[in-house]
Each structure stands twice: as C-alpha cells, then as structure tokens.
PDB file of N, CA and C in Angstrom:
ATOM      1  N   GLY A   1     113.599  90.740  43.397  1.00  0.00           N
ATOM      2  CA  GLY A   1     114.838  90.556  44.076  1.00  0.00           C
ATOM      3  C   GLY A   1     114.720  89.650  45.289  1.00  0.00           C
ATOM      4  N   HIS A   2     113.494  89.232  45.660  1.00  0.00           N
ATOM      5  CA  HIS A   2     113.346  88.353  46.808  1.00  0.00           C
ATOM      6  C   HIS A   2     113.914  86.981  46.480  1.00  0.00           C
ATOM      7  N   GLY A   3     114.767  86.468  47.336  1.00  0.00           N
ATOM      8  CA  GLY A   3     115.357  85.158  47.122  1.00  0.00           C
ATOM      9  C   GLY A   3     116.479  85.145  46.103  1.00  0.00           C
ATOM     10  N   ALA A   4     116.918  86.317  45.644  1.00  0.00           N
ATOM     11  CA  ALA A   4     118.007  86.381  44.667  1.00  0.00           C
ATOM     12  C   ALA A   4     119.287  85.883  45.317  1.00  0.00           C
ATOM     13  N   ARG A   5     120.073  85.170  44.551  1.00  0.00           N
ATOM     14  CA  ARG A   5     121.355  84.658  45.029  1.00  0.00           C
ATOM     15  C   ARG A   5     122.444  85.106  44.065  1.00  0.00           C
ATOM     16  N   PRO A   6     123.583  85.528  44.630  1.00  0.00           N
ATOM     17  CA  PRO A   6     124.672  85.971  43.750  1.00  0.00           C
ATOM     18  C   PRO A   6     125.344  84.791  43.071  1.00  0.00           C
ATOM     19  N   GLN A   7     126.004  85.072  41.968  1.00  0.00           N
ATOM     20  CA  GLN A   7     126.814  84.067  41.304  1.00  0.00           C
ATOM     21  C   GLN A   7     127.932  83.651  42.251  1.00  0.00           C
ATOM     22  N   SER A   8     128.498  82.492  42.033  1.00  0.00           N
ATOM     23  CA  SER A   8     129.588  82.011  42.869  1.00  0.00           C
ATOM     24  C   SER A   8     130.724  83.029  42.905  1.00  0.00           C
ATOM     25  N   GLY A   9     131.192  83.353  44.102  1.00  0.00           N
ATOM     26  CA  GLY A   9     132.282  84.310  44.261  1.00  0.00           C
ATOM     27  C   GLY A   9     131.861  85.762  44.240  1.00  0.00           C
ATOM     28  N   CYS A  10     130.571  86.017  44.186  1.00  0.00           N
ATOM     29  CA  CYS A  10     130.062  87.387  44.133  1.00  0.00           C
ATOM     30  C   CYS A  10     129.196  87.662  45.356  1.00  0.00           C
ATOM     31  N   GLY A  11     128.737  88.897  45.487  1.00  0.00           N
ATOM     32  CA  GLY A  11     127.873  89.279  46.589  1.00  0.00           C
ATOM     33  C   GLY A  11     126.748  90.172  46.105  1.00  0.00           C
ATOM     34  N   LEU A  12     125.757  90.345  46.962  1.00  0.00           N
ATOM     35  CA  LEU A  12     124.632  91.229  46.674  1.00  0.00           C
ATOM     36  C   LEU A  12     124.546  92.294  47.755  1.00  0.00           C
ATOM     37  N   ILE A  13     124.154  93.486  47.363  1.00  0.00           N
ATOM     38  CA  ILE A  13     123.978  94.583  48.305  1.00  0.00           C
ATOM     39  C   ILE A  13     122.858  95.476  47.791  1.00  0.00           C
ATOM     40  N   ARG A  14     122.129  96.076  48.713  1.00  0.00           N
ATOM     41  CA  ARG A  14     121.085  97.040  48.332  1.00  0.00           C
ATOM     42  C   ARG A  14     121.686  98.440  48.388  1.00  0.00           C
ATOM     43  N   LEU A  15     121.578  99.153  47.265  1.00  0.00           N
ATOM     44  CA  LEU A  15     122.078 100.525  47.151  1.00  0.00           C
ATOM     45  C   LEU A  15     120.960 101.385  46.587  1.00  0.00           C
ATOM     46  N   THR A  16     121.225 102.676  46.461  1.00  0.00           N
ATOM     47  CA  THR A  16     120.186 103.563  45.934  1.00  0.00           C
ATOM     48  C   THR A  16     120.562 104.104  44.558  1.00  0.00           C
ATOM     49  N   LEU A  17     119.538 104.329  43.788  1.00  0.00           N
ATOM     50  CA  LEU A  17     119.654 104.985  42.485  1.00  0.00           C
ATOM     51  C   LEU A  17     118.543 106.028  42.473  1.00  0.00           C
ATOM     52  N   ALA A  18     118.925 107.288  42.571  1.00  0.00           N
ATOM     53  CA  ALA A  18     117.958 108.386  42.769  1.00  0.00           C
ATOM     54  C   ALA A  18     117.211 108.085  44.067  1.00  0.00           C
ATOM     55  N   GLU A  19     115.916 107.860  44.004  1.00  0.00           N
ATOM     56  CA  GLU A  19     115.111 107.580  45.208  1.00  0.00           C
ATOM     57  C   GLU A  19     114.830 106.087  45.363  1.00  0.00           C
ATOM     58  N   ALA A  20     115.229 105.283  44.403  1.00  0.00           N
ATOM     59  CA  ALA A  20     114.892 103.858  44.415  1.00  0.00           C
ATOM     60  C   ALA A  20     116.000 103.016  45.040  1.00  0.00           C
ATOM     61  N   GLU A  21     115.580 101.932  45.702  1.00  0.00           N
ATOM     62  CA  GLU A  21     116.532 100.967  46.221  1.00  0.00           C
ATOM     63  C   GLU A  21     116.771  99.929  45.123  1.00  0.00           C
ATOM     64  N   VAL A  22     118.044  99.618  44.889  1.00  0.00           N
ATOM     65  CA  VAL A  22     118.431  98.727  43.800  1.00  0.00           C
ATOM     66  C   VAL A  22     119.272  97.595  44.374  1.00  0.00           C
ATOM     67  N   LEU A  23     119.012  96.378  43.929  1.00  0.00           N
ATOM     68  CA  LEU A  23     119.826  95.239  44.311  1.00  0.00           C
ATOM     69  C   LEU A  23     120.983  95.150  43.315  1.00  0.00           C
ATOM     70  N   VAL A  24     122.210  95.166  43.831  1.00  0.00           N
ATOM     71  CA  VAL A  24     123.393  95.204  42.977  1.00  0.00           C
ATOM     72  C   VAL A  24     124.247  93.975  43.253  1.00  0.00           C
ATOM     73  N   GLU A  25     124.649  93.295  42.185  1.00  0.00           N
ATOM     74  CA  GLU A  25     125.571  92.164  42.311  1.00  0.00           C
ATOM     75  C   GLU A  25     126.974  92.664  41.992  1.00  0.00           C
ATOM     76  N   TYR A  26     127.942  92.244  42.813  1.00  0.00           N
ATOM     77  CA  TYR A  26     129.308  92.709  42.642  1.00  0.00           C
ATOM     78  C   TYR A  26     130.293  91.567  42.854  1.00  0.00           C
ATOM     79  N   GLU A  27     131.485  91.788  42.350  1.00  0.00           N
ATOM     80  CA  GLU A  27     132.593  90.872  42.591  1.00  0.00           C
ATOM     81  C   GLU A  27     133.660  91.664  43.336  1.00  0.00           C
ATOM     82  N   ALA A  28     134.177  91.100  44.418  1.00  0.00           N
ATOM     83  CA  ALA A  28     135.202  91.770  45.213  1.00  0.00           C
ATOM     84  C   ALA A  28     136.499  90.980  45.121  1.00  0.00           C
ATOM     85  N   GLU A  29     137.591  91.697  44.909  1.00  0.00           N
ATOM     86  CA  GLU A  29     138.911  91.084  44.874  1.00  0.00           C
ATOM     87  C   GLU A  29     139.724  91.668  46.018  1.00  0.00           C
ATOM     88  N   ALA A  30     140.287  90.796  46.841  1.00  0.00           N
ATOM     89  CA  ALA A  30     141.082  91.240  47.983  1.00  0.00           C
ATOM     90  C   ALA A  30     142.423  91.796  47.512  1.00  0.00           C
ATOM     91  N   GLU A  31     143.012  92.602  48.365  1.00  0.00           N
ATOM     92  CA  GLU A  31     144.350  93.129  48.104  1.00  0.00           C
ATOM     93  C   GLU A  31     145.307  91.957  47.981  1.00  0.00           C
ATOM     94  N   SER A  32     146.286  92.070  47.084  1.00  0.00           N
ATOM     95  CA  SER A  32     147.242  90.979  46.923  1.00  0.00           C
ATOM     96  C   SER A  32     148.615  91.518  46.560  1.00  0.00           C
ATOM     97  N   GLY A  33     149.620  90.686  46.757  1.00  0.00           N
ATOM     98  CA  GLY A  33     150.991  91.052  46.423  1.00  0.00           C
ATOM     99  C   GLY A  33     151.599  91.987  47.441  1.00  0.00           C
ATOM    100  N   ASP A  34     152.901  91.821  47.658  1.00  0.00           N
ATOM    101  CA  ASP A  34     153.579  92.648  48.662  1.00  0.00           C
ATOM    102  C   ASP A  34     154.260  93.871  48.055  1.00  0.00           C
ATOM    103  N   GLY A  35     154.279  93.965  46.740  1.00  0.00           N
ATOM    104  CA  GLY A  35     154.906  95.106  46.085  1.00  0.00           C
ATOM    105  C   GLY A  35     156.411  94.986  45.995  1.00  0.00           C
ATOM    106  N   TRP A  36     156.946  93.959  46.621  1.00  0.00           N
ATOM    107  CA  TRP A  36     158.395  93.745  46.590  1.00  0.00           C
ATOM    108  C   TRP A  36     158.713  92.542  45.712  1.00  0.00           C
ATOM    109  N   HIS A  37     158.215  91.390  46.109  1.00  0.00           N
ATOM    110  CA  HIS A  37     158.444  90.170  45.326  1.00  0.00           C
ATOM    111  C   HIS A  37     157.350  89.963  44.280  1.00  0.00           C
ATOM    112  N   ASP A  38     156.165  90.407  44.635  1.00  0.00           N
ATOM    113  CA  ASP A  38     155.010  90.270  43.750  1.00  0.00           C
ATOM    114  C   ASP A  38     154.430  91.660  43.499  1.00  0.00           C
ATOM    115  N   PRO A  39     153.828  91.854  42.327  1.00  0.00           N
ATOM    116  CA  PRO A  39     153.174  93.144  42.092  1.00  0.00           C
ATOM    117  C   PRO A  39     152.051  93.352  43.108  1.00  0.00           C
ATOM    118  N   HIS A  40     151.901  94.581  43.559  1.00  0.00           N
ATOM    119  CA  HIS A  40     150.847  94.891  44.514  1.00  0.00           C
ATOM    120  C   HIS A  40     149.591  95.294  43.764  1.00  0.00           C
ATOM    121  N   TYR A  41     148.479  94.650  44.115  1.00  0.00           N
ATOM    122  CA  TYR A  41     147.183  95.003  43.554  1.00  0.00           C
ATOM    123  C   TYR A  41     146.265  95.383  44.699  1.00  0.00           C
ATOM    124  N   PRO A  42     145.749  96.596  44.704  1.00  0.00           N
ATOM    125  CA  PRO A  42     144.844  96.998  45.793  1.00  0.00           C
ATOM    126  C   PRO A  42     143.516  96.239  45.694  1.00  0.00           C
ATOM    127  N   ALA A  43     142.817  96.180  46.825  1.00  0.00           N
ATOM    128  CA  ALA A  43     141.481  95.580  46.820  1.00  0.00           C
ATOM    129  C   ALA A  43     140.596  96.373  45.871  1.00  0.00           C
ATOM    130  N   ARG A  44     139.674  95.682  45.228  1.00  0.00           N
ATOM    131  CA  ARG A  44     138.769  96.394  44.329  1.00  0.00           C
ATOM    132  C   ARG A  44     137.438  95.676  44.222  1.00  0.00           C
ATOM    133  N   VAL A  45     136.453  96.416  43.790  1.00  0.00           N
ATOM    134  CA  VAL A  45     135.098  95.907  43.623  1.00  0.00           C
ATOM    135  C   VAL A  45     134.654  96.225  42.209  1.00  0.00           C
ATOM    136  N   THR A  46     133.958  95.287  41.590  1.00  0.00           N
ATOM    137  CA  THR A  46     133.413  95.499  40.255  1.00  0.00           C
ATOM    138  C   THR A  46     131.920  95.209  40.279  1.00  0.00           C
ATOM    139  N   VAL A  47     131.113  96.190  39.873  1.00  0.00           N
ATOM    140  CA  VAL A  47     129.669  95.982  39.767  1.00  0.00           C
ATOM    141  C   VAL A  47     129.411  95.140  38.525  1.00  0.00           C
ATOM    142  N   ILE A  48     128.665  94.057  38.703  1.00  0.00           N
ATOM    143  CA  ILE A  48     128.400  93.140  37.596  1.00  0.00           C
ATOM    144  C   ILE A  48     127.036  93.404  36.971  1.00  0.00           C
ATOM    145  N   GLN A  49     126.011  93.469  37.827  1.00  0.00           N
ATOM    146  CA  GLN A  49     124.664  93.705  37.313  1.00  0.00           C
ATOM    147  C   GLN A  49     123.803  94.308  38.413  1.00  0.00           C
ATOM    148  N   ALA A  50     122.660  94.850  38.002  1.00  0.00           N
ATOM    149  CA  ALA A  50     121.734  95.450  38.951  1.00  0.00           C
ATOM    150  C   ALA A  50     120.311  95.074  38.574  1.00  0.00           C
ATOM    151  N   LEU A  51     119.481  94.947  39.591  1.00  0.00           N
ATOM    152  CA  LEU A  51     118.075  94.620  39.376  1.00  0.00           C
ATOM    153  C   LEU A  51     117.282  95.917  39.317  1.00  0.00           C
ATOM    154  N   LEU A  52     116.847  96.287  38.117  1.00  0.00           N
ATOM    155  CA  LEU A  52     116.066  97.510  37.897  1.00  0.00           C
ATOM    156  C   LEU A  52     114.733  97.142  37.269  1.00  0.00           C
ATOM    157  N   ASN A  53     113.668  97.604  37.881  1.00  0.00           N
ATOM    158  CA  ASN A  53     112.317  97.329  37.362  1.00  0.00           C
ATOM    159  C   ASN A  53     112.088  95.842  37.102  1.00  0.00           C
ATOM    160  N   GLY A  54     112.601  95.012  38.007  1.00  0.00           N
ATOM    161  CA  GLY A  54     112.369  93.570  37.903  1.00  0.00           C
ATOM    162  C   GLY A  54     113.251  92.848  36.910  1.00  0.00           C
ATOM    163  N   GLN A  55     114.224  93.532  36.315  1.00  0.00           N
ATOM    164  CA  GLN A  55     115.107  92.889  35.341  1.00  0.00           C
ATOM    165  C   GLN A  55     116.556  93.119  35.719  1.00  0.00           C
ATOM    166  N   TRP A  56     117.373  92.071  35.556  1.00  0.00           N
ATOM    167  CA  TRP A  56     118.813  92.216  35.761  1.00  0.00           C
ATOM    168  C   TRP A  56     119.397  92.877  34.523  1.00  0.00           C
ATOM    169  N   ILE A  57     120.130  93.960  34.744  1.00  0.00           N
ATOM    170  CA  ILE A  57     120.712  94.702  33.630  1.00  0.00           C
ATOM    171  C   ILE A  57     122.207  94.900  33.873  1.00  0.00           C
ATOM    172  N   ASP A  58     122.917  95.184  32.801  1.00  0.00           N
ATOM    173  CA  ASP A  58     124.330  95.562  32.882  1.00  0.00           C
ATOM    174  C   ASP A  58     124.349  97.068  33.103  1.00  0.00           C
ATOM    175  N   PRO A  59     124.731  97.515  34.304  1.00  0.00           N
ATOM    176  CA  PRO A  59     124.680  98.956  34.589  1.00  0.00           C
ATOM    177  C   PRO A  59     125.515  99.804  33.639  1.00  0.00           C
ATOM    178  N   SER A  60     126.605  99.256  33.124  1.00  0.00           N
ATOM    179  CA  SER A  60     127.456 100.042  32.226  1.00  0.00           C
ATOM    180  C   SER A  60     126.751 100.404  30.931  1.00  0.00           C
ATOM    181  N   GLU A  61     125.673  99.700  30.624  1.00  0.00           N
ATOM    182  CA  GLU A  61     124.933  99.987  29.390  1.00  0.00           C
ATOM    183  C   GLU A  61     123.868 101.071  29.570  1.00  0.00           C
ATOM    184  N   VAL A  62     123.455 101.338  30.834  1.00  0.00           N
ATOM    185  CA  VAL A  62     122.354 102.279  31.026  1.00  0.00           C
ATOM    186  C   VAL A  62     122.631 103.399  32.032  1.00  0.00           C
ATOM    187  N   LEU A  63     123.697 103.284  32.808  1.00  0.00           N
ATOM    188  CA  LEU A  63     123.997 104.295  33.818  1.00  0.00           C
ATOM    189  C   LEU A  63     125.287 105.036  33.491  1.00  0.00           C
ATOM    190  N   ILE A  64     125.381 106.266  33.957  1.00  0.00           N
ATOM    191  CA  ILE A  64     126.613 107.013  33.746  1.00  0.00           C
ATOM    192  C   ILE A  64     127.705 106.427  34.656  1.00  0.00           C
ATOM    193  N   PRO A  65     128.953 106.503  34.218  1.00  0.00           N
ATOM    194  CA  PRO A  65     130.053 105.897  34.984  1.00  0.00           C
ATOM    195  C   PRO A  65     130.159 106.387  36.430  1.00  0.00           C
ATOM    196  N   SER A  66     129.810 107.633  36.709  1.00  0.00           N
ATOM    197  CA  SER A  66     129.944 108.139  38.075  1.00  0.00           C
ATOM    198  C   SER A  66     129.015 107.404  39.048  1.00  0.00           C
ATOM    199  N   VAL A  67     127.860 106.943  38.585  1.00  0.00           N
ATOM    200  CA  VAL A  67     126.949 106.181  39.445  1.00  0.00           C
ATOM    201  C   VAL A  67     127.578 104.839  39.793  1.00  0.00           C
ATOM    202  N   ILE A  68     128.128 104.181  38.814  1.00  0.00           N
ATOM    203  CA  ILE A  68     128.770 102.883  39.041  1.00  0.00           C
ATOM    204  C   ILE A  68     129.971 103.048  39.959  1.00  0.00           C
ATOM    205  N   GLU A  69     130.765 104.090  39.755  1.00  0.00           N
ATOM    206  CA  GLU A  69     131.920 104.353  40.630  1.00  0.00           C
ATOM    207  C   GLU A  69     131.462 104.610  42.062  1.00  0.00           C
ATOM    208  N   ARG A  70     130.389 105.364  42.247  1.00  0.00           N
ATOM    209  CA  ARG A  70     129.855 105.634  43.582  1.00  0.00           C
ATOM    210  C   ARG A  70     129.408 104.335  44.244  1.00  0.00           C
ATOM    211  N   TRP A  71     128.714 103.481  43.482  1.00  0.00           N
ATOM    212  CA  TRP A  71     128.296 102.191  44.012  1.00  0.00           C
ATOM    213  C   TRP A  71     129.510 101.366  44.447  1.00  0.00           C
ATOM    214  N   GLU A  72     130.541 101.334  43.598  1.00  0.00           N
ATOM    215  CA  GLU A  72     131.730 100.545  43.939  1.00  0.00           C
ATOM    216  C   GLU A  72     132.394 101.072  45.212  1.00  0.00           C
ATOM    217  N   GLU A  73     132.425 102.385  45.382  1.00  0.00           N
ATOM    218  CA  GLU A  73     132.977 102.965  46.613  1.00  0.00           C
ATOM    219  C   GLU A  73     132.127 102.587  47.814  1.00  0.00           C
ATOM    220  N   GLN A  74     130.807 102.639  47.667  1.00  0.00           N
ATOM    221  CA  GLN A  74     129.918 102.285  48.772  1.00  0.00           C
ATOM    222  C   GLN A  74     130.062 100.806  49.141  1.00  0.00           C
ATOM    223  N   ILE A  75     130.204  99.960  48.156  1.00  0.00           N
ATOM    224  CA  ILE A  75     130.384  98.526  48.418  1.00  0.00           C
ATOM    225  C   ILE A  75     131.694  98.298  49.151  1.00  0.00           C
ATOM    226  N   MET A  76     132.762  98.949  48.697  1.00  0.00           N
ATOM    227  CA  MET A  76     134.069  98.793  49.345  1.00  0.00           C
ATOM    228  C   MET A  76     133.990  99.247  50.801  1.00  0.00           C
ATOM    229  N   GLU A  77     133.316 100.371  51.047  1.00  0.00           N
ATOM    230  CA  GLU A  77     133.153 100.859  52.421  1.00  0.00           C
ATOM    231  C   GLU A  77     132.374  99.855  53.272  1.00  0.00           C
ATOM    232  N   ALA A  78     131.309  99.277  52.711  1.00  0.00           N
ATOM    233  CA  ALA A  78     130.511  98.292  53.448  1.00  0.00           C
ATOM    234  C   ALA A  78     131.337  97.039  53.747  1.00  0.00           C
ATOM    235  N   LEU A  79     132.148  96.606  52.796  1.00  0.00           N
ATOM    236  CA  LEU A  79     133.005  95.433  53.014  1.00  0.00           C
ATOM    237  C   LEU A  79     134.067  95.719  54.070  1.00  0.00           C
ATOM    238  N   ASP A  80     134.661  96.907  54.023  1.00  0.00           N
ATOM    239  CA  ASP A  80     135.656  97.292  55.026  1.00  0.00           C
ATOM    240  C   ASP A  80     135.031  97.328  56.417  1.00  0.00           C
ATOM    241  N   GLU A  81     133.828  97.894  56.504  1.00  0.00           N
ATOM    242  CA  GLU A  81     133.143  97.976  57.792  1.00  0.00           C
ATOM    243  C   GLU A  81     132.811  96.581  58.314  1.00  0.00           C
ATOM    244  N   ALA A  82     132.328  95.703  57.436  1.00  0.00           N
ATOM    245  CA  ALA A  82     132.004  94.335  57.853  1.00  0.00           C
ATOM    246  C   ALA A  82     133.255  93.592  58.318  1.00  0.00           C
ATOM    247  N   ALA A  83     134.374  93.806  57.642  1.00  0.00           N
ATOM    248  CA  ALA A  83     135.631  93.161  58.042  1.00  0.00           C
ATOM    249  C   ALA A  83     136.083  93.667  59.406  1.00  0.00           C
ATOM    250  N   GLN A  84     135.912  94.962  59.668  1.00  0.00           N
ATOM    251  CA  GLN A  84     136.297  95.530  60.962  1.00  0.00           C
ATOM    252  C   GLN A  84     135.426  94.972  62.079  1.00  0.00           C
ATOM    253  N   VAL A  85     134.126  94.872  61.827  1.00  0.00           N
ATOM    254  CA  VAL A  85     133.206  94.311  62.822  1.00  0.00           C
ATOM    255  C   VAL A  85     133.584  92.860  63.114  1.00  0.00           C
ATOM    256  N   ALA A  86     133.891  92.092  62.071  1.00  0.00           N
ATOM    257  CA  ALA A  86     134.287  90.687  62.260  1.00  0.00           C
ATOM    258  C   ALA A  86     135.580  90.595  63.061  1.00  0.00           C
ATOM    259  N   ALA A  87     136.539  91.459  62.778  1.00  0.00           N
ATOM    260  CA  ALA A  87     137.806  91.455  63.512  1.00  0.00           C
ATOM    261  C   ALA A  87     137.578  91.833  64.970  1.00  0.00           C
ATOM    262  N   ASP A  88     136.735  92.831  65.216  1.00  0.00           N
ATOM    263  CA  ASP A  88     136.422  93.234  66.590  1.00  0.00           C
ATOM    264  C   ASP A  88     135.723  92.105  67.341  1.00  0.00           C
ATOM    265  N   ASP A  89     134.778  91.426  66.679  1.00  0.00           N
ATOM    266  CA  ASP A  89     134.069  90.309  67.308  1.00  0.00           C
ATOM    267  C   ASP A  89     135.031  89.176  67.644  1.00  0.00           C
ATOM    268  N   ALA A  90     135.964  88.885  66.739  1.00  0.00           N
ATOM    269  CA  ALA A  90     136.939  87.819  66.981  1.00  0.00           C
ATOM    270  C   ALA A  90     137.855  88.176  68.149  1.00  0.00           C
ATOM    271  N   ALA A  91     138.282  89.426  68.213  1.00  0.00           N
ATOM    272  CA  ALA A  91     139.141  89.863  69.321  1.00  0.00           C
ATOM    273  C   ALA A  91     138.388  89.774  70.644  1.00  0.00           C
ATOM    274  N   GLU A  92     137.129  90.158  70.638  1.00  0.00           N
ATOM    275  CA  GLU A  92     136.324  90.082  71.857  1.00  0.00           C
ATOM    276  C   GLU A  92     136.135  88.630  72.288  1.00  0.00           C
ATOM    277  N   ALA A  93     135.908  87.737  71.337  1.00  0.00           N
ATOM    278  CA  ALA A  93     135.742  86.315  71.661  1.00  0.00           C
ATOM    279  C   ALA A  93     137.036  85.743  72.234  1.00  0.00           C
ATOM    280  N   ARG A  94     138.186  86.121  71.685  1.00  0.00           N
ATOM    281  CA  ARG A  94     139.468  85.646  72.227  1.00  0.00           C
ATOM    282  C   ARG A  94     139.668  86.156  73.646  1.00  0.00           C
ATOM    283  N   HIS A  95     139.294  87.405  73.874  1.00  0.00           N
ATOM    284  CA  HIS A  95     139.418  87.984  75.214  1.00  0.00           C
ATOM    285  C   HIS A  95     138.530  87.232  76.208  1.00  0.00           C
ATOM    286  N   ARG A  96     137.283  86.957  75.823  1.00  0.00           N
ATOM    287  CA  ARG A  96     136.367  86.206  76.694  1.00  0.00           C
ATOM    288  C   ARG A  96     136.929  84.825  76.998  1.00  0.00           C
ATOM    289  N   ASP A  97     137.448  84.142  75.968  1.00  0.00           N
ATOM    290  CA  ASP A  97     138.022  82.810  76.164  1.00  0.00           C
ATOM    291  C   ASP A  97     139.189  82.859  77.139  1.00  0.00           C
ATOM    292  N   ARG A  98     140.038  83.864  76.973  1.00  0.00           N
ATOM    293  CA  ARG A  98     141.214  84.012  77.849  1.00  0.00           C
ATOM    294  C   ARG A  98     140.762  84.261  79.283  1.00  0.00           C
ATOM    295  N   MET A  99     139.731  85.093  79.460  1.00  0.00           N
ATOM    296  CA  MET A  99     139.235  85.395  80.800  1.00  0.00           C
ATOM    297  C   MET A  99     138.628  84.150  81.446  1.00  0.00           C
ATOM    298  N   GLU A 100     137.928  83.342  80.667  1.00  0.00           N
ATOM    299  CA  GLU A 100     137.343  82.103  81.208  1.00  0.00           C
ATOM    300  C   GLU A 100     138.407  81.106  81.609  1.00  0.00           C
ATOM    301  N   CYS A 101     139.490  81.041  80.839  1.00  0.00           N
ATOM    302  CA  CYS A 101     140.585  80.109  81.158  1.00  0.00           C
ATOM    303  C   CYS A 101     141.299  80.535  82.438  1.00  0.00           C
ATOM    304  N   GLU A 102     141.375  81.835  82.696  1.00  0.00           N
ATOM    305  CA  GLU A 102     142.085  82.338  83.872  1.00  0.00           C
ATOM    306  C   GLU A 102     141.246  82.203  85.138  1.00  0.00           C
ATOM    307  N   SER A 103     139.939  82.076  84.984  1.00  0.00           N
ATOM    308  CA  SER A 103     139.107  82.010  86.187  1.00  0.00           C
ATOM    309  C   SER A 103     138.819  80.590  86.618  1.00  0.00           C
TER     310      SER A 103
END
C-alpha cells in the first residue's frame, strides 16, 4: 500500500478489519438537489476496493455487507470531520485577515 494512489475522483483511507489495518479506496458523492426543483440526493460513500494481504480485492466478494457498511459510515464521518476542520480554518483565516486590515 506504500505509494498507492486512488483512481481519479476517489480517495484512500486506512480502516480496520478485525485487528488488521486495511487501505480502502472509496468514491464520495456530495449531497445534491434541493428537493424542490431537483430531486434531493444525500451525500454518500461507496467502497470500491481494499488492499488485503498485498492484493486489491472487491470487498463485496469476500466481506459481509455489515463490514462494508461500517467502513462507509466511518469514511463519511472522516469526510464530515475534515470538512468541518477546513471550514473552521477558513473562518479563522478570514478573522485574522480582518483583524490585520483593521490594525
């Protein structure tokens, strides 16, 4: 998994499977549509493949669905947390800029 790169439009994250750390490739789709003029689609994550024992595998072929669902929930939580951190950092940078302009 060293130097692994995700496919275009996808991401990589390290998750656990039993006691092992697994590199998981996923595709994330942002929330879309307002539900009024356009159909509303919630944000979602789809696990594409995982690196197990040095080989990329399709998790749906070897893992029970609850493991894949748990991974997708963990990925969504990590993405939400990263988005919140980015928003907080941007707000802090705007505040610093405003304070510098006033002084």
